[in-house]
Amino acid sequence: DALRDLNAAVTLEEKSSSSEFDADLYHQRGAVQHRLQDYRTAARDFALALEKDEEGSQRPRQEAARTWNMLGLCEAQLGLVAHESFV
């Protein structure tokens, strides 16, 4: 399944000696977890993707914007963002 494959890819990437970790792996795994309604784990992966972007990931800026959006959606689902913020 997709989540198992992404977990394996993240594990391989973390063990790699390469300094360029693909932040998109975290984003994709977070997207799968979001779809499974595991919002807390998804939020953690989106935050890790953004952390990798800050460390110099080569992802385009619009990809980081998508990750910020997904992180916000997770936080809203978890009740961490007041609904008044959306008005």
N, C-alpha and C. Protein backbone atom coordinates (compact mmCIF):
# COMPACT_ATOMS: atom_id res chain seq x y z
N ASP A 1 0.82 -1.18 0.00
CA ASP A 1 0.00 0.00 0.00
C ASP A 1 0.87 1.25 0.00
N ALA A 2 0.27 2.38 -0.28
CA ALA A 2 1.02 3.63 -0.45
C ALA A 2 1.76 4.04 0.82
N LEU A 3 1.10 3.93 1.96
CA LEU A 3 1.73 4.35 3.21
C LEU A 3 2.94 3.48 3.53
N ARG A 4 2.82 2.19 3.32
CA ARG A 4 3.96 1.29 3.58
C ARG A 4 5.13 1.66 2.67
N ASP A 5 4.84 1.91 1.39
CA ASP A 5 5.90 2.27 0.45
C ASP A 5 6.56 3.59 0.82
N LEU A 6 5.76 4.57 1.23
CA LEU A 6 6.33 5.85 1.62
C LEU A 6 7.15 5.73 2.91
N ASN A 7 6.69 4.91 3.84
CA ASN A 7 7.48 4.67 5.06
C ASN A 7 8.83 4.07 4.71
N ALA A 8 8.82 3.12 3.79
CA ALA A 8 10.08 2.49 3.36
C ALA A 8 10.99 3.50 2.67
N ALA A 9 10.41 4.36 1.84
CA ALA A 9 11.21 5.37 1.14
C ALA A 9 11.82 6.36 2.13
N VAL A 10 11.06 6.78 3.13
CA VAL A 10 11.58 7.71 4.14
C VAL A 10 12.70 7.04 4.92
N THR A 11 12.51 5.78 5.30
CA THR A 11 13.55 5.06 6.03
C THR A 11 14.83 4.96 5.21
N LEU A 12 14.71 4.63 3.93
CA LEU A 12 15.89 4.56 3.06
C LEU A 12 16.57 5.91 2.93
N GLU A 13 15.78 6.94 2.78
CA GLU A 13 16.33 8.29 2.62
C GLU A 13 17.04 8.74 3.90
N GLU A 14 16.46 8.42 5.05
CA GLU A 14 17.08 8.81 6.33
C GLU A 14 18.41 8.09 6.53
N LYS A 15 18.52 6.87 6.04
CA LYS A 15 19.76 6.10 6.19
C LYS A 15 20.81 6.47 5.15
N SER A 16 20.38 7.16 4.11
CA SER A 16 21.27 7.54 3.03
C SER A 16 22.32 8.52 3.52
N SER A 17 23.48 8.47 2.91
CA SER A 17 24.53 9.41 3.27
C SER A 17 24.36 10.73 2.54
N SER A 18 23.37 10.80 1.65
CA SER A 18 23.12 12.03 0.90
C SER A 18 22.61 13.11 1.83
N SER A 19 23.06 14.32 1.60
CA SER A 19 22.63 15.45 2.42
C SER A 19 21.33 16.05 1.90
N GLU A 20 20.87 15.59 0.74
CA GLU A 20 19.66 16.15 0.14
C GLU A 20 18.48 15.22 0.35
N PHE A 21 17.82 15.37 1.48
CA PHE A 21 16.62 14.60 1.77
C PHE A 21 15.47 15.23 1.02
N ASP A 22 14.67 14.41 0.38
CA ASP A 22 13.56 14.90 -0.41
C ASP A 22 12.38 15.25 0.49
N ALA A 23 12.16 16.53 0.71
CA ALA A 23 11.06 16.99 1.56
C ALA A 23 9.72 16.52 1.03
N ASP A 24 9.64 16.27 -0.28
CA ASP A 24 8.38 15.83 -0.87
C ASP A 24 7.95 14.46 -0.35
N LEU A 25 8.90 13.64 0.08
CA LEU A 25 8.53 12.34 0.66
C LEU A 25 7.67 12.55 1.90
N TYR A 26 8.07 13.50 2.74
CA TYR A 26 7.28 13.79 3.94
C TYR A 26 5.92 14.36 3.55
N HIS A 27 5.91 15.24 2.54
CA HIS A 27 4.62 15.81 2.11
C HIS A 27 3.69 14.71 1.60
N GLN A 28 4.21 13.83 0.76
CA GLN A 28 3.37 12.77 0.20
C GLN A 28 2.86 11.83 1.29
N ARG A 29 3.73 11.49 2.23
CA ARG A 29 3.29 10.61 3.32
C ARG A 29 2.24 11.33 4.18
N GLY A 30 2.44 12.61 4.42
CA GLY A 30 1.46 13.39 5.16
C GLY A 30 0.12 13.44 4.43
N ALA A 31 0.15 13.54 3.11
CA ALA A 31 -1.09 13.58 2.34
C ALA A 31 -1.86 12.27 2.46
N VAL A 32 -1.14 11.16 2.46
CA VAL A 32 -1.80 9.86 2.64
C VAL A 32 -2.41 9.78 4.04
N GLN A 33 -1.66 10.20 5.03
CA GLN A 33 -2.16 10.15 6.41
C GLN A 33 -3.36 11.08 6.59
N HIS A 34 -3.34 12.23 5.92
CA HIS A 34 -4.48 13.14 5.97
C HIS A 34 -5.71 12.47 5.38
N ARG A 35 -5.53 11.81 4.27
CA ARG A 35 -6.65 11.10 3.62
C ARG A 35 -7.21 10.01 4.54
N LEU A 36 -6.33 9.40 5.33
CA LEU A 36 -6.76 8.37 6.29
C LEU A 36 -7.28 8.99 7.59
N GLN A 37 -7.36 10.30 7.63
CA GLN A 37 -7.84 11.07 8.78
C GLN A 37 -6.97 10.92 10.03
N ASP A 38 -5.69 10.65 9.82
CA ASP A 38 -4.70 10.64 10.90
C ASP A 38 -4.03 12.01 10.90
N TYR A 39 -4.78 13.01 11.35
CA TYR A 39 -4.36 14.40 11.21
C TYR A 39 -3.13 14.74 12.03
N ARG A 40 -2.97 14.16 13.19
CA ARG A 40 -1.81 14.46 14.04
C ARG A 40 -0.51 13.98 13.36
N THR A 41 -0.53 12.76 12.86
CA THR A 41 0.66 12.23 12.18
C THR A 41 0.92 12.97 10.88
N ALA A 42 -0.15 13.30 10.16
CA ALA A 42 -0.01 14.05 8.92
C ALA A 42 0.62 15.41 9.20
N ALA A 43 0.15 16.09 10.24
CA ALA A 43 0.69 17.41 10.59
C ALA A 43 2.19 17.31 10.90
N ARG A 44 2.57 16.25 11.58
CA ARG A 44 3.99 16.07 11.91
C ARG A 44 4.82 15.93 10.62
N ASP A 45 4.31 15.15 9.66
CA ASP A 45 5.05 14.99 8.41
C ASP A 45 5.09 16.27 7.59
N PHE A 46 3.98 17.03 7.57
CA PHE A 46 4.01 18.30 6.86
C PHE A 46 5.01 19.25 7.50
N ALA A 47 5.08 19.26 8.83
CA ALA A 47 6.04 20.11 9.53
C ALA A 47 7.48 19.67 9.21
N LEU A 48 7.70 18.36 9.11
CA LEU A 48 9.04 17.87 8.76
C LEU A 48 9.41 18.27 7.33
N ALA A 49 8.45 18.23 6.42
CA ALA A 49 8.71 18.66 5.04
C ALA A 49 9.13 20.13 5.02
N LEU A 50 8.44 20.95 5.78
CA LEU A 50 8.78 22.38 5.84
C LEU A 50 10.14 22.60 6.48
N GLU A 51 10.47 21.78 7.46
CA GLU A 51 11.79 21.86 8.09
C GLU A 51 12.88 21.54 7.07
N LYS A 52 12.64 20.52 6.26
CA LYS A 52 13.61 20.16 5.21
C LYS A 52 13.73 21.28 4.19
N ASP A 53 12.61 21.96 3.89
CA ASP A 53 12.68 23.10 2.98
C ASP A 53 13.59 24.18 3.55
N GLU A 54 13.50 24.43 4.85
CA GLU A 54 14.35 25.45 5.48
C GLU A 54 15.81 25.04 5.46
N GLU A 55 16.07 23.73 5.43
CA GLU A 55 17.46 23.24 5.42
C GLU A 55 18.04 23.25 4.01
N GLY A 56 17.25 23.69 3.03
CA GLY A 56 17.80 23.81 1.68
C GLY A 56 17.26 22.82 0.68
N SER A 57 16.09 22.29 0.93
CA SER A 57 15.47 21.39 -0.04
C SER A 57 15.32 22.12 -1.37
N GLN A 58 15.36 21.38 -2.45
CA GLN A 58 15.27 21.97 -3.77
C GLN A 58 13.84 22.04 -4.31
N ARG A 59 12.84 21.84 -3.42
CA ARG A 59 11.45 21.89 -3.87
C ARG A 59 11.07 23.29 -4.31
N PRO A 60 10.24 23.38 -5.35
CA PRO A 60 9.74 24.71 -5.75
C PRO A 60 8.92 25.34 -4.64
N ARG A 61 8.88 26.65 -4.61
CA ARG A 61 8.16 27.38 -3.55
C ARG A 61 6.68 27.04 -3.51
N GLN A 62 6.07 26.79 -4.68
CA GLN A 62 4.64 26.46 -4.68
C GLN A 62 4.38 25.12 -4.00
N GLU A 63 5.36 24.23 -3.99
CA GLU A 63 5.20 22.96 -3.27
C GLU A 63 5.21 23.21 -1.77
N ALA A 64 6.08 24.11 -1.33
CA ALA A 64 6.09 24.46 0.10
C ALA A 64 4.77 25.13 0.48
N ALA A 65 4.21 25.93 -0.41
CA ALA A 65 2.92 26.58 -0.12
C ALA A 65 1.83 25.53 0.06
N ARG A 66 1.84 24.49 -0.77
CA ARG A 66 0.87 23.40 -0.63
C ARG A 66 1.04 22.71 0.72
N THR A 67 2.28 22.55 1.15
CA THR A 67 2.55 21.90 2.43
C THR A 67 2.02 22.76 3.58
N TRP A 68 2.25 24.07 3.51
CA TRP A 68 1.71 24.96 4.54
C TRP A 68 0.18 24.85 4.60
N ASN A 69 -0.45 24.80 3.43
CA ASN A 69 -1.91 24.67 3.37
C ASN A 69 -2.37 23.38 4.04
N MET A 70 -1.73 22.28 3.72
CA MET A 70 -2.12 20.99 4.30
C MET A 70 -1.88 20.97 5.81
N LEU A 71 -0.80 21.58 6.25
CA LEU A 71 -0.54 21.67 7.70
C LEU A 71 -1.67 22.44 8.38
N GLY A 72 -2.09 23.54 7.78
CA GLY A 72 -3.19 24.31 8.33
C GLY A 72 -4.49 23.53 8.39
N LEU A 73 -4.75 22.74 7.34
CA LEU A 73 -5.96 21.91 7.34
C LEU A 73 -5.93 20.89 8.47
N CYS A 74 -4.78 20.28 8.68
CA CYS A 74 -4.64 19.31 9.78
C CYS A 74 -4.86 19.99 11.12
N GLU A 75 -4.25 21.15 11.30
CA GLU A 75 -4.40 21.85 12.58
C GLU A 75 -5.86 22.23 12.81
N ALA A 76 -6.57 22.60 11.76
CA ALA A 76 -7.99 22.92 11.90
C ALA A 76 -8.78 21.68 12.29
N GLN A 77 -8.47 20.54 11.68
CA GLN A 77 -9.15 19.29 12.01
C GLN A 77 -8.89 18.89 13.46
N LEU A 78 -7.72 19.23 13.96
CA LEU A 78 -7.35 18.89 15.34
C LEU A 78 -7.86 19.92 16.35
N GLY A 79 -8.50 20.98 15.85
CA GLY A 79 -9.02 22.02 16.73
C GLY A 79 -7.96 22.96 17.24
N LEU A 80 -6.83 23.02 16.56
CA LEU A 80 -5.73 23.89 17.00
C LEU A 80 -5.84 25.29 16.42
N VAL A 81 -6.80 25.49 15.52
CA VAL A 81 -7.01 26.79 14.89
C VAL A 81 -8.45 27.18 15.14
N ALA A 82 -8.64 28.38 15.66
CA ALA A 82 -10.01 28.85 15.92
C ALA A 82 -10.74 29.05 14.60
N HIS A 83 -12.00 28.66 14.56
CA HIS A 83 -12.79 28.81 13.34
C HIS A 83 -12.94 30.27 12.93
N GLU A 84 -12.85 31.18 13.89
CA GLU A 84 -12.94 32.59 13.57
C GLU A 84 -11.79 33.03 12.66
N SER A 85 -10.71 32.25 12.67
CA SER A 85 -9.56 32.58 11.84
C SER A 85 -9.89 32.48 10.36
N PHE A 86 -10.92 31.73 10.03
CA PHE A 86 -11.27 31.50 8.63
C PHE A 86 -12.28 32.51 8.10
N VAL A 87 -12.76 33.38 8.96
CA VAL A 87 -13.79 34.33 8.54
C VAL A 87 -13.16 35.58 7.99
